[in-house]
């Protein structure tokens, strides 16, 4: 009976994007930690994740199955910024860190709101 609530497109989309935000945080942390490593290539979420997520949402297949998971990949759009081949720009990483934190907080609010609505439906009392 509770399953349909957690299978809604909004909840599933927020959950998938939150998973991606957590993984992106790991990538940003690795990028910052390796800013001085010669030859290090910047990591980010694989670009096909968002494309697959959009197509599943458009097809109405987001709530079914859990096969779509974000993954890390080398950022092919990152340019070499140092003679040693490192592609990490610390300013870009710090901006991405802040943006990712805001996105994660927003998505957390969406998931929390869904759970609060479920609690209200069960108990009849707001939080």
Protein backbone atom coordinates (compact mmCIF):
# COMPACT_ATOMS: atom_id res chain seq x y z
CA UNK A 1 0.00 0.00 0.00
CA UNK A 2 2.89 2.34 0.68
CA UNK A 3 4.76 1.32 -2.49
CA UNK A 4 2.72 3.54 -4.87
CA UNK A 5 3.68 6.61 -2.83
CA UNK A 6 7.37 5.87 -3.19
CA UNK A 7 6.99 4.98 -6.87
CA UNK A 8 5.76 8.46 -7.87
CA UNK A 9 7.85 10.16 -10.53
CA UNK A 10 8.66 13.17 -8.33
CA UNK A 11 9.94 11.02 -5.48
CA UNK A 12 11.91 8.71 -7.78
CA UNK A 13 13.42 11.63 -9.70
CA UNK A 14 14.49 13.36 -6.48
CA UNK A 15 15.94 10.11 -5.17
CA UNK A 16 17.95 9.45 -8.35
CA UNK A 17 19.22 13.03 -8.47
CA UNK A 18 20.14 12.82 -4.79
CA UNK A 19 22.16 9.65 -5.50
CA UNK A 20 23.92 11.56 -8.27
CA UNK A 21 24.61 14.51 -5.94
CA UNK A 22 26.23 12.19 -3.39
CA UNK A 23 28.40 10.62 -6.07
CA UNK A 24 29.28 14.03 -7.51
CA UNK A 25 30.41 15.09 -4.01
CA UNK A 26 32.81 12.13 -4.00
CA UNK A 27 34.12 13.16 -7.43
CA UNK A 28 34.61 16.77 -6.37
CA UNK A 29 36.44 15.63 -3.24
CA UNK A 30 38.72 13.41 -5.30
CA UNK A 31 39.32 16.23 -7.78
CA UNK A 32 40.27 18.68 -5.02
CA UNK A 33 42.50 16.10 -3.33
CA UNK A 34 44.33 15.52 -6.64
CA UNK A 35 44.64 19.12 -7.78
CA UNK A 36 48.46 18.83 -7.61
CA UNK A 37 48.73 15.27 -8.96
CA UNK A 38 50.49 15.19 -12.33
CA UNK A 39 48.35 13.68 -15.08
CA UNK A 40 45.20 13.47 -12.95
CA UNK A 41 42.01 13.70 -15.01
CA UNK A 42 38.94 15.42 -13.54
CA UNK A 43 36.03 13.12 -12.58
CA UNK A 44 32.31 13.83 -12.73
CA UNK A 45 29.01 12.00 -13.18
CA UNK A 46 28.92 10.09 -16.46
CA UNK A 47 27.13 12.31 -19.00
CA UNK A 48 24.83 9.52 -20.15
CA UNK A 49 23.17 9.34 -16.70
CA UNK A 50 21.15 12.53 -17.14
CA UNK A 51 20.21 11.61 -20.70
CA UNK A 52 18.96 8.18 -19.57
CA UNK A 53 17.12 9.76 -16.64
CA UNK A 54 15.35 12.24 -18.95
CA UNK A 55 14.34 9.53 -21.40
CA UNK A 56 12.98 7.29 -18.64
CA UNK A 57 11.04 10.18 -17.15
CA UNK A 58 9.57 11.08 -20.55
CA UNK A 59 8.60 7.43 -21.12
CA UNK A 60 7.03 7.19 -17.65
CA UNK A 61 9.41 4.41 -16.63
CA UNK A 62 11.11 6.15 -13.73
CA UNK A 63 9.12 4.48 -10.96
CA UNK A 64 9.65 0.95 -12.19
CA UNK A 65 12.85 -0.91 -11.47
CA UNK A 66 16.02 0.45 -10.02
CA UNK A 67 18.48 -0.27 -12.84
CA UNK A 68 19.55 3.33 -13.48
CA UNK A 69 22.41 4.34 -11.21
CA UNK A 70 24.83 7.26 -11.59
CA UNK A 71 28.47 6.42 -12.19
CA UNK A 72 31.71 8.38 -12.23
CA UNK A 73 33.62 8.97 -15.42
CA UNK A 74 36.50 11.07 -16.59
CA UNK A 75 35.28 14.52 -17.65
CA UNK A 76 36.06 14.63 -21.36
CA UNK A 77 35.16 18.33 -21.54
CA UNK A 78 37.81 19.31 -18.97
CA UNK A 79 40.76 21.05 -20.49
CA UNK A 80 44.37 20.58 -19.49
CA UNK A 81 45.28 23.51 -17.24
CA UNK A 82 48.84 22.59 -16.36
CA UNK A 83 51.89 21.39 -18.29
CA UNK A 84 51.80 18.07 -16.41
CA UNK A 85 48.40 17.12 -17.90
CA UNK A 86 46.23 17.73 -14.82
CA UNK A 87 42.70 18.85 -15.77
CA UNK A 88 41.50 20.09 -12.36
CA UNK A 89 40.75 23.80 -11.93
CA UNK A 90 40.41 24.48 -8.19
CA UNK A 91 38.08 27.46 -8.70
CA UNK A 92 35.72 25.35 -10.79
CA UNK A 93 35.75 22.59 -8.19
CA UNK A 94 34.95 24.98 -5.35
CA UNK A 95 32.03 26.41 -7.32
CA UNK A 96 30.82 22.88 -8.14
CA UNK A 97 31.13 21.98 -4.45
CA UNK A 98 28.84 24.83 -3.44
CA UNK A 99 26.34 24.18 -6.23
CA UNK A 100 26.21 20.49 -5.40
CA UNK A 101 25.59 21.23 -1.71
CA UNK A 102 22.63 23.47 -2.60
CA UNK A 103 21.19 20.85 -4.97
CA UNK A 104 21.58 18.10 -2.38
CA UNK A 105 19.83 20.18 0.27
CA UNK A 106 16.95 20.99 -2.11
CA UNK A 107 16.52 17.34 -3.10
CA UNK A 108 16.62 16.32 0.54
CA UNK A 109 13.75 18.71 1.21
CA UNK A 110 11.68 17.12 -1.57
CA UNK A 111 12.25 13.60 -0.22
CA UNK A 112 11.53 14.78 3.34
CA UNK A 113 8.31 16.44 2.21
CA UNK A 114 7.11 13.19 0.63
CA UNK A 115 7.84 11.26 3.82
CA UNK A 116 6.08 13.92 5.93
CA UNK A 117 3.01 13.65 3.70
CA UNK A 118 3.00 9.91 4.25
CA UNK A 119 3.30 10.39 8.01
CA UNK A 120 0.43 12.87 7.94
CA UNK A 121 -1.72 10.41 6.03
CA UNK A 122 -0.98 7.65 8.53
CA UNK A 123 -1.22 9.58 11.79
CA UNK A 124 -3.51 12.46 10.83
CA UNK A 125 -1.12 14.87 12.52
CA UNK A 126 1.52 17.08 10.95
CA UNK A 127 5.06 16.39 12.14
